[in-house]
Amino acid sequence: MNHARTSIIASGCLFLALSAGTLLSAACGGPESAAASAPPAPAAPPAAATPVLTFEPVTLDMGDVVPNVATTKTVKITNHSKNTIKITRAIADCSCTVPSWPEEPIAPGATAETTITMTPGNKQGVSLTKKVTFDVEGGEPAFYTVVAKVGMFIEFTPESLTAPDDDKIAGQDATITMKGADGVQFKIIAIEPDIGTADSAGSALTHSVKLDWAKWVAGKKPKKVTITTDHPKAPPLIVMLKKPAPVPAPPPVK
C-alpha cells in the first residue's frame, strides 16, 4: 500500500515539474515561444517579366551625324507575347526624328523591321537623346531610345550680340570670329542680311566678320545674321542680334 502511494506521489511530482518547466520556458522566451513569435520569411521578389516587344539594337546609336543631314538606320522588333501584335503608330518627342512602323501585324515569336531617320538642326557639337513611342493596338505602348552626336565643324563666337544704344550707334561695330574645328579651310560666301563685311574672300582656317550697327539700324534691326560658308559639313552660322535694354525712366521729381 505504501509502495502504491509512493508511486502516485512520484508521478504527481514529475507532472508538476514538467508543467513548471514548460511554463518557465514559454515565459522566458524559450524555443516554443520564439517559433511562435518569429515573423514570416519575406517572399522572394518576382522575376522580371520579359517585355512584350523588344528592340535590336537595344538603343539606336546614329553615331556621328552632320547638321541638317538625314541619317537612317534599321531596327528589328520582336514579339515575345502569345498574341499577334499590331503597331498602330510611332512618334518621336522631337521633329528631328522620324520613325516608321511595320504595317503588318507581328505574330508571336516573329520579328519585323522598321526604320528611324534623324535630321539634326544647326547646333554643332551636341549630344542628342530622343524617345520614340510605338503605340500598340489594345496594349501598352513600347518606348525606344535614339542617340547621336552632332559633329563640330566651325566654331564661332559670340553666338549673340547686343546692339549699343541708338544714340551711340554711329561708328560702332562688332566682330564675329570663326575657326575650322576639323582642320578644313573654308571661305565665307554669304552674309544675310548685308550688314557685315568678311575679312577675306579666300579660303582659310580662320575668318572674321565685322558687323556694322548702323547698317543694322538701316535694315530695321533684324533679329539675326546668318553667315554661310563653303565648308562641306558646317551648317549656316547664326548669330542672334538683341536690342539694347530699355533705359528706365527717371523717378518723378517731388
C-alpha atoms as a PDB file:
ATOM      1  CA  MET A   1       0.000   0.000   0.000  1.00  0.00           C
ATOM      2  CA  ASN A   2       2.809   2.311   0.925  1.00  0.00           C
ATOM      3  CA  HIS A   3       4.554   1.404  -2.305  1.00  0.00           C
ATOM      4  CA  ALA A   4       1.500   2.383  -4.404  1.00  0.00           C
ATOM      5  CA  ARG A   5       1.141   5.684  -2.571  1.00  0.00           C
ATOM      6  CA  THR A   6       4.798   6.446  -3.178  1.00  0.00           C
ATOM      7  CA  SER A   7       4.390   5.812  -6.942  1.00  0.00           C
ATOM      8  CA  ILE A   8       1.383   8.154  -7.157  1.00  0.00           C
ATOM      9  CA  ILE A   9       3.243  10.927  -5.334  1.00  0.00           C
ATOM     10  CA  ALA A  10       6.298  10.495  -7.591  1.00  0.00           C
ATOM     11  CA  SER A  11       4.149  10.641 -10.704  1.00  0.00           C
ATOM     12  CA  GLY A  12       2.439  13.801  -9.493  1.00  0.00           C
ATOM     13  CA  CYS A  13       5.744  15.463  -8.727  1.00  0.00           C
ATOM     14  CA  LEU A  14       7.059  14.575 -12.193  1.00  0.00           C
ATOM     15  CA  PHE A  15       3.928  16.061 -13.873  1.00  0.00           C
ATOM     16  CA  LEU A  16       4.225  19.239 -11.834  1.00  0.00           C
ATOM     17  CA  ALA A  17       7.916  19.538 -12.674  1.00  0.00           C
ATOM     18  CA  LEU A  18       7.288  19.082 -16.402  1.00  0.00           C
ATOM     19  CA  SER A  19       4.410  21.582 -16.344  1.00  0.00           C
ATOM     20  CA  ALA A  20       6.500  24.127 -14.479  1.00  0.00           C
ATOM     21  CA  GLY A  21       9.362  23.657 -16.931  1.00  0.00           C
ATOM     22  CA  THR A  22       7.059  24.249 -19.908  1.00  0.00           C
ATOM     23  CA  LEU A  23       5.609  27.399 -18.355  1.00  0.00           C
ATOM     24  CA  LEU A  24       9.062  28.690 -17.466  1.00  0.00           C
ATOM     25  CA  SER A  25      10.314  28.055 -20.997  1.00  0.00           C
ATOM     26  CA  ALA A  26       7.378  29.928 -22.538  1.00  0.00           C
ATOM     27  CA  ALA A  27       7.685  32.798 -20.065  1.00  0.00           C
ATOM     28  CA  CYS A  28      11.395  33.183 -20.711  1.00  0.00           C
ATOM     29  CA  GLY A  29      11.109  33.104 -24.485  1.00  0.00           C
ATOM     30  CA  GLY A  30      12.213  29.541 -24.989  1.00  0.00           C
ATOM     31  CA  PRO A  31      12.248  27.695 -28.337  1.00  0.00           C
ATOM     32  CA  GLU A  32       8.479  27.213 -28.380  1.00  0.00           C
ATOM     33  CA  SER A  33       7.835  30.936 -27.767  1.00  0.00           C
ATOM     34  CA  ALA A  34      10.451  32.083 -30.291  1.00  0.00           C
ATOM     35  CA  ALA A  35       8.977  29.883 -33.024  1.00  0.00           C
ATOM     36  CA  ALA A  36       5.508  31.252 -32.376  1.00  0.00           C
ATOM     37  CA  SER A  37       6.561  34.950 -32.404  1.00  0.00           C
ATOM     38  CA  ALA A  38       9.105  34.895 -35.278  1.00  0.00           C
ATOM     39  CA  PRO A  39       7.942  36.923 -38.357  1.00  0.00           C
ATOM     40  CA  PRO A  40       7.415  35.003 -41.607  1.00  0.00           C
ATOM     41  CA  ALA A  41      10.319  34.954 -44.056  1.00  0.00           C
ATOM     42  CA  PRO A  42       9.965  37.611 -46.806  1.00  0.00           C
ATOM     43  CA  ALA A  43       8.721  36.323 -50.126  1.00  0.00           C
ATOM     44  CA  ALA A  44      11.247  36.179 -52.939  1.00  0.00           C
ATOM     45  CA  PRO A  45      10.876  39.080 -55.417  1.00  0.00           C
ATOM     46  CA  PRO A  46       9.128  38.105 -58.656  1.00  0.00           C
ATOM     47  CA  ALA A  47      11.313  37.533 -61.662  1.00  0.00           C
ATOM     48  CA  ALA A  48      11.454  40.440 -64.112  1.00  0.00           C
ATOM     49  CA  ALA A  49       8.938  39.908 -66.886  1.00  0.00           C
ATOM     50  CA  THR A  50      10.163  39.892 -70.478  1.00  0.00           C
ATOM     51  CA  PRO A  51       8.813  42.933 -72.358  1.00  0.00           C
ATOM     52  CA  VAL A  52       6.122  42.183 -74.898  1.00  0.00           C
ATOM     53  CA  LEU A  53       8.198  43.920 -77.576  1.00  0.00           C
ATOM     54  CA  THR A  54      11.995  44.097 -77.675  1.00  0.00           C
ATOM     55  CA  PHE A  55      14.230  46.078 -79.994  1.00  0.00           C
ATOM     56  CA  GLU A  56      17.537  45.265 -81.646  1.00  0.00           C
ATOM     57  CA  PRO A  57      19.741  47.124 -81.034  1.00  0.00           C
ATOM     58  CA  VAL A  58      18.559  47.901 -77.508  1.00  0.00           C
ATOM     59  CA  THR A  59      19.377  51.598 -78.127  1.00  0.00           C
ATOM     60  CA  LEU A  60      19.726  53.000 -81.640  1.00  0.00           C
ATOM     61  CA  ASP A  61      23.030  54.879 -81.925  1.00  0.00           C
ATOM     62  CA  MET A  62      23.098  57.043 -85.042  1.00  0.00           C
ATOM     63  CA  GLY A  63      26.796  57.725 -84.457  1.00  0.00           C
ATOM     64  CA  ASP A  64      28.434  60.976 -85.586  1.00  0.00           C
ATOM     65  CA  VAL A  65      25.917  62.986 -87.585  1.00  0.00           C
ATOM     66  CA  VAL A  66      26.097  66.186 -89.637  1.00  0.00           C
ATOM     67  CA  PRO A  67      23.821  69.218 -89.065  1.00  0.00           C
ATOM     68  CA  ASN A  68      20.837  69.295 -91.448  1.00  0.00           C
ATOM     69  CA  VAL A  69      21.810  65.915 -92.977  1.00  0.00           C
ATOM     70  CA  ALA A  70      19.463  62.919 -92.546  1.00  0.00           C
ATOM     71  CA  THR A  71      20.753  59.603 -91.172  1.00  0.00           C
ATOM     72  CA  THR A  72      18.557  56.483 -91.388  1.00  0.00           C
ATOM     73  CA  LYS A  73      19.039  53.137 -89.640  1.00  0.00           C
ATOM     74  CA  THR A  74      17.052  49.901 -89.370  1.00  0.00           C
ATOM     75  CA  VAL A  75      15.586  48.466 -86.165  1.00  0.00           C
ATOM     76  CA  LYS A  76      14.328  44.911 -85.515  1.00  0.00           C
ATOM     77  CA  ILE A  77      11.195  44.481 -83.366  1.00  0.00           C
ATOM     78  CA  THR A  78      10.408  41.062 -81.819  1.00  0.00           C
ATOM     79  CA  ASN A  79       7.051  39.980 -80.362  1.00  0.00           C
ATOM     80  CA  HIS A  80       7.578  37.925 -77.179  1.00  0.00           C
ATOM     81  CA  SER A  81       3.894  37.550 -76.302  1.00  0.00           C
ATOM     82  CA  LYS A  82       1.488  34.717 -77.121  1.00  0.00           C
ATOM     83  CA  ASN A  83      -0.692  37.031 -79.178  1.00  0.00           C
ATOM     84  CA  THR A  84      -0.331  38.787 -82.502  1.00  0.00           C
ATOM     85  CA  ILE A  85       0.623  42.440 -82.025  1.00  0.00           C
ATOM     86  CA  LYS A  86      -0.393  45.334 -84.246  1.00  0.00           C
ATOM     87  CA  ILE A  87       1.638  48.554 -84.002  1.00  0.00           C
ATOM     88  CA  THR A  88      -0.667  51.404 -84.958  1.00  0.00           C
ATOM     89  CA  ARG A  89       1.689  54.370 -84.807  1.00  0.00           C
ATOM     90  CA  ALA A  90       5.214  55.522 -83.956  1.00  0.00           C
ATOM     91  CA  ILE A  91       6.003  59.067 -82.908  1.00  0.00           C
ATOM     92  CA  ALA A  92       9.154  60.782 -81.582  1.00  0.00           C
ATOM     93  CA  ASP A  93       9.441  63.528 -78.977  1.00  0.00           C
ATOM     94  CA  CYS A  94      11.278  65.751 -81.482  1.00  0.00           C
ATOM     95  CA  SER A  95      10.543  66.676 -85.090  1.00  0.00           C
ATOM     96  CA  CYS A  96      14.182  65.953 -85.952  1.00  0.00           C
ATOM     97  CA  THR A  97      13.478  62.210 -85.515  1.00  0.00           C
ATOM     98  CA  VAL A  98      11.016  60.431 -87.811  1.00  0.00           C
ATOM     99  CA  PRO A  99      10.186  56.749 -87.127  1.00  0.00           C
ATOM    100  CA  SER A 100       8.245  54.336 -89.299  1.00  0.00           C
ATOM    101  CA  TRP A 101       6.473  51.166 -88.089  1.00  0.00           C
ATOM    102  CA  PRO A 102       5.566  47.747 -89.523  1.00  0.00           C
ATOM    103  CA  GLU A 103       2.337  47.833 -91.492  1.00  0.00           C
ATOM    104  CA  GLU A 104       1.576  44.153 -90.920  1.00  0.00           C
ATOM    105  CA  PRO A 105       0.833  42.592 -87.505  1.00  0.00           C
ATOM    106  CA  ILE A 106       3.721  40.775 -85.808  1.00  0.00           C
ATOM    107  CA  ALA A 107       2.952  37.119 -84.986  1.00  0.00           C
ATOM    108  CA  PRO A 108       4.006  35.553 -81.652  1.00  0.00           C
ATOM    109  CA  GLY A 109       7.771  34.968 -81.692  1.00  0.00           C
ATOM    110  CA  ALA A 110       8.172  36.776 -85.019  1.00  0.00           C
ATOM    111  CA  THR A 111      10.439  39.738 -85.838  1.00  0.00           C
ATOM    112  CA  ALA A 112       9.698  42.740 -88.054  1.00  0.00           C
ATOM    113  CA  GLU A 113      11.925  45.538 -89.309  1.00  0.00           C
ATOM    114  CA  THR A 114      11.376  49.278 -89.369  1.00  0.00           C
ATOM    115  CA  THR A 115      13.468  52.414 -89.918  1.00  0.00           C
ATOM    116  CA  ILE A 116      14.181  55.587 -87.964  1.00  0.00           C
ATOM    117  CA  THR A 117      15.570  58.766 -89.541  1.00  0.00           C
ATOM    118  CA  MET A 118      17.253  61.602 -87.643  1.00  0.00           C
ATOM    119  CA  THR A 119      17.990  65.025 -89.145  1.00  0.00           C
ATOM    120  CA  PRO A 120      19.723  67.255 -86.582  1.00  0.00           C
ATOM    121  CA  GLY A 121      19.388  71.024 -86.706  1.00  0.00           C
ATOM    122  CA  ASN A 122      22.058  73.728 -86.952  1.00  0.00           C
ATOM    123  CA  LYS A 123      23.512  73.250 -83.475  1.00  0.00           C
ATOM    124  CA  GLN A 124      27.006  71.750 -83.620  1.00  0.00           C
ATOM    125  CA  GLY A 125      28.944  69.779 -81.010  1.00  0.00           C
ATOM    126  CA  VAL A 126      25.957  68.476 -79.047  1.00  0.00           C
ATOM    127  CA  SER A 127      24.767  65.014 -77.995  1.00  0.00           C
ATOM    128  CA  LEU A 128      21.167  64.111 -78.805  1.00  0.00           C
ATOM    129  CA  THR A 129      18.867  61.683 -76.966  1.00  0.00           C
ATOM    130  CA  LYS A 130      15.363  61.200 -78.365  1.00  0.00           C
ATOM    131  CA  LYS A 131      12.484  58.907 -77.345  1.00  0.00           C
ATOM    132  CA  VAL A 132      10.248  57.078 -79.822  1.00  0.00           C
ATOM    133  CA  THR A 133       6.850  55.755 -78.721  1.00  0.00           C
ATOM    134  CA  PHE A 134       5.307  52.763 -80.523  1.00  0.00           C
ATOM    135  CA  ASP A 135       1.558  52.567 -79.914  1.00  0.00           C
ATOM    136  CA  VAL A 136       0.202  49.005 -79.676  1.00  0.00           C
ATOM    137  CA  GLU A 137      -3.401  48.159 -80.520  1.00  0.00           C
ATOM    138  CA  GLY A 138      -5.166  47.089 -77.328  1.00  0.00           C
ATOM    139  CA  GLY A 139      -1.993  47.184 -75.232  1.00  0.00           C
ATOM    140  CA  GLU A 140       0.620  49.336 -73.547  1.00  0.00           C
ATOM    141  CA  PRO A 141       2.954  51.425 -75.729  1.00  0.00           C
ATOM    142  CA  ALA A 142       6.608  50.481 -76.157  1.00  0.00           C
ATOM    143  CA  PHE A 143       9.375  53.064 -75.796  1.00  0.00           C
ATOM    144  CA  TYR A 144      12.656  53.227 -77.667  1.00  0.00           C
ATOM    145  CA  THR A 145      15.722  55.491 -77.320  1.00  0.00           C
ATOM    146  CA  VAL A 146      17.712  57.020 -80.174  1.00  0.00           C
ATOM    147  CA  VAL A 147      21.056  58.761 -79.594  1.00  0.00           C
ATOM    148  CA  ALA A 148      23.524  60.662 -81.784  1.00  0.00           C
ATOM    149  CA  LYS A 149      26.472  63.043 -81.584  1.00  0.00           C
ATOM    150  CA  VAL A 150      26.458  66.115 -83.817  1.00  0.00           C
ATOM    151  CA  GLY A 151      29.928  66.994 -85.067  1.00  0.00           C
ATOM    152  CA  MET A 152      31.682  70.339 -84.582  1.00  0.00           C
ATOM    153  CA  PHE A 153      32.988  71.727 -87.875  1.00  0.00           C
ATOM    154  CA  ILE A 154      33.250  75.516 -87.494  1.00  0.00           C
ATOM    155  CA  GLU A 155      33.474  77.135 -84.088  1.00  0.00           C
ATOM    156  CA  PHE A 156      32.253  80.723 -83.911  1.00  0.00           C
ATOM    157  CA  THR A 157      31.891  83.351 -81.247  1.00  0.00           C
ATOM    158  CA  PRO A 158      29.878  85.081 -79.982  1.00  0.00           C
ATOM    159  CA  GLU A 159      26.566  83.314 -80.569  1.00  0.00           C
ATOM    160  CA  SER A 160      24.664  86.508 -79.709  1.00  0.00           C
ATOM    161  CA  LEU A 161      25.337  90.246 -79.715  1.00  0.00           C
ATOM    162  CA  THR A 162      23.578  93.162 -78.050  1.00  0.00           C
ATOM    163  CA  ALA A 163      23.409  96.398 -80.026  1.00  0.00           C
ATOM    164  CA  PRO A 164      24.538  99.690 -78.496  1.00  0.00           C
ATOM    165  CA  ASP A 165      22.009 102.364 -77.633  1.00  0.00           C
ATOM    166  CA  ASP A 166      20.615 104.208 -80.661  1.00  0.00           C
ATOM    167  CA  ASP A 167      22.312 107.493 -79.683  1.00  0.00           C
ATOM    168  CA  LYS A 168      25.695 105.739 -79.509  1.00  0.00           C
ATOM    169  CA  ILE A 169      25.450 103.568 -82.606  1.00  0.00           C
ATOM    170  CA  ALA A 170      27.328 105.794 -85.067  1.00  0.00           C
ATOM    171  CA  GLY A 171      30.721 104.321 -85.861  1.00  0.00           C
ATOM    172  CA  GLN A 172      30.107 101.254 -83.690  1.00  0.00           C
ATOM    173  CA  ASP A 173      30.782  97.736 -84.913  1.00  0.00           C
ATOM    174  CA  ALA A 174      31.178  94.196 -83.552  1.00  0.00           C
ATOM    175  CA  THR A 175      33.352  91.269 -84.613  1.00  0.00           C
ATOM    176  CA  ILE A 176      32.318  87.657 -85.153  1.00  0.00           C
ATOM    177  CA  THR A 177      35.219  85.174 -85.304  1.00  0.00           C
ATOM    178  CA  MET A 178      35.206  81.709 -86.893  1.00  0.00           C
ATOM    179  CA  LYS A 179      37.640  78.799 -86.814  1.00  0.00           C
ATOM    180  CA  GLY A 180      37.614  75.449 -88.590  1.00  0.00           C
ATOM    181  CA  ALA A 181      37.325  72.838 -85.820  1.00  0.00           C
ATOM    182  CA  ASP A 182      38.149  69.885 -88.065  1.00  0.00           C
ATOM    183  CA  GLY A 183      41.170  71.410 -89.826  1.00  0.00           C
ATOM    184  CA  VAL A 184      39.290  72.068 -93.090  1.00  0.00           C
ATOM    185  CA  GLN A 185      39.804  75.507 -94.654  1.00  0.00           C
ATOM    186  CA  PHE A 186      36.687  77.375 -95.758  1.00  0.00           C
ATOM    187  CA  LYS A 187      35.593  80.687 -97.210  1.00  0.00           C
ATOM    188  CA  ILE A 188      32.623  82.921 -96.478  1.00  0.00           C
ATOM    189  CA  ILE A 189      30.181  83.008 -99.376  1.00  0.00           C
ATOM    190  CA  ALA A 190      27.234  84.973 -97.942  1.00  0.00           C
ATOM    191  CA  ILE A 191      26.236  87.270 -95.057  1.00  0.00           C
ATOM    192  CA  GLU A 192      22.472  87.780 -94.706  1.00  0.00           C
ATOM    193  CA  PRO A 193      21.216  90.416 -94.272  1.00  0.00           C
ATOM    194  CA  ASP A 194      24.010  92.504 -95.735  1.00  0.00           C
ATOM    195  CA  ILE A 195      25.103  94.195 -92.523  1.00  0.00           C
ATOM    196  CA  GLY A 196      28.630  92.807 -92.210  1.00  0.00           C
ATOM    197  CA  THR A 197      31.936  92.502 -94.056  1.00  0.00           C
ATOM    198  CA  ALA A 198      34.177  89.421 -94.244  1.00  0.00           C
ATOM    199  CA  ASP A 199      37.893  89.815 -93.619  1.00  0.00           C
ATOM    200  CA  SER A 200      38.764  87.787 -96.719  1.00  0.00           C
ATOM    201  CA  ALA A 201      37.158  86.269 -99.800  1.00  0.00           C
ATOM    202  CA  GLY A 202      39.609  83.365 -99.928  1.00  0.00           C
ATOM    203  CA  SER A 203      39.832  80.039 -98.105  1.00  0.00           C
ATOM    204  CA  ALA A 204      41.401  79.957 -94.654  1.00  0.00           C
ATOM    205  CA  LEU A 205      41.174  78.110 -91.373  1.00  0.00           C
ATOM    206  CA  THR A 206      40.047  81.243 -89.515  1.00  0.00           C
ATOM    207  CA  HIS A 207      37.847  84.153 -90.536  1.00  0.00           C
ATOM    208  CA  SER A 208      36.154  87.170 -89.022  1.00  0.00           C
ATOM    209  CA  VAL A 209      33.123  89.249 -89.928  1.00  0.00           C
ATOM    210  CA  LYS A 210      32.779  92.879 -88.884  1.00  0.00           C
ATOM    211  CA  LEU A 211      29.173  93.777 -88.147  1.00  0.00           C
ATOM    212  CA  ASP A 212      28.124  97.383 -88.853  1.00  0.00           C
ATOM    213  CA  TRP A 213      25.480  98.518 -86.339  1.00  0.00           C
ATOM    214  CA  ALA A 214      24.480 101.483 -88.489  1.00  0.00           C
ATOM    215  CA  LYS A 215      23.571  99.078 -91.301  1.00  0.00           C
ATOM    216  CA  TRP A 216      21.686  97.000 -88.727  1.00  0.00           C
ATOM    217  CA  VAL A 217      19.541 100.013 -87.825  1.00  0.00           C
ATOM    218  CA  ALA A 218      19.025 100.888 -91.506  1.00  0.00           C
ATOM    219  CA  GLY A 219      17.917  97.274 -92.104  1.00  0.00           C
ATOM    220  CA  LYS A 220      15.148  97.648 -89.465  1.00  0.00           C
ATOM    221  CA  LYS A 221      17.102  95.888 -86.732  1.00  0.00           C
ATOM    222  CA  PRO A 222      16.903  92.209 -87.812  1.00  0.00           C
ATOM    223  CA  LYS A 223      16.971  89.622 -85.026  1.00  0.00           C
ATOM    224  CA  LYS A 224      19.808  87.566 -86.503  1.00  0.00           C
ATOM    225  CA  VAL A 225      22.595  87.487 -89.066  1.00  0.00           C
ATOM    226  CA  THR A 226      23.392  84.283 -90.972  1.00  0.00           C
ATOM    227  CA  ILE A 227      26.890  83.539 -92.245  1.00  0.00           C
ATOM    228  CA  THR A 228      27.141  80.842 -94.926  1.00  0.00           C
ATOM    229  CA  THR A 229      30.435  79.138 -95.781  1.00  0.00           C
ATOM    230  CA  ASP A 230      31.564  76.606 -98.358  1.00  0.00           C
ATOM    231  CA  HIS A 231      32.557  74.062 -95.691  1.00  0.00           C
ATOM    232  CA  PRO A 232      31.100  70.726 -96.877  1.00  0.00           C
ATOM    233  CA  LYS A 233      29.644  69.819 -93.449  1.00  0.00           C
ATOM    234  CA  ALA A 234      29.185  73.033 -91.484  1.00  0.00           C
ATOM    235  CA  PRO A 235      25.670  74.475 -91.202  1.00  0.00           C
ATOM    236  CA  PRO A 236      24.868  78.171 -91.654  1.00  0.00           C
ATOM    237  CA  LEU A 237      26.267  80.060 -88.665  1.00  0.00           C
ATOM    238  CA  ILE A 238      23.519  82.084 -86.965  1.00  0.00           C
ATOM    239  CA  VAL A 239      24.305  84.934 -84.566  1.00  0.00           C
ATOM    240  CA  MET A 240      21.345  86.387 -82.658  1.00  0.00           C
ATOM    241  CA  LEU A 241      21.137  90.192 -82.510  1.00  0.00           C
ATOM    242  CA  LYS A 242      19.474  91.791 -79.490  1.00  0.00           C
ATOM    243  CA  LYS A 243      18.193  95.284 -78.982  1.00  0.00           C
ATOM    244  CA  PRO A 244      19.681  97.190 -76.043  1.00  0.00           C
ATOM    245  CA  ALA A 245      17.792  97.039 -72.777  1.00  0.00           C
ATOM    246  CA  PRO A 246      15.423  99.988 -72.359  1.00  0.00           C
ATOM    247  CA  VAL A 247      16.712 102.760 -70.152  1.00  0.00           C
ATOM    248  CA  PRO A 248      14.472 103.102 -67.087  1.00  0.00           C
ATOM    249  CA  ALA A 249      12.659 106.406 -66.763  1.00  0.00           C
ATOM    250  CA  PRO A 250      13.998 108.717 -64.058  1.00  0.00           C
ATOM    251  CA  PRO A 251      11.887 108.900 -60.905  1.00  0.00           C
ATOM    252  CA  PRO A 252       9.419 111.772 -60.775  1.00  0.00           C
ATOM    253  CA  VAL A 253      10.616 114.923 -59.103  1.00  0.00           C
ATOM    254  CA  LYS A 254       8.848 115.538 -55.830  1.00  0.00           C
END
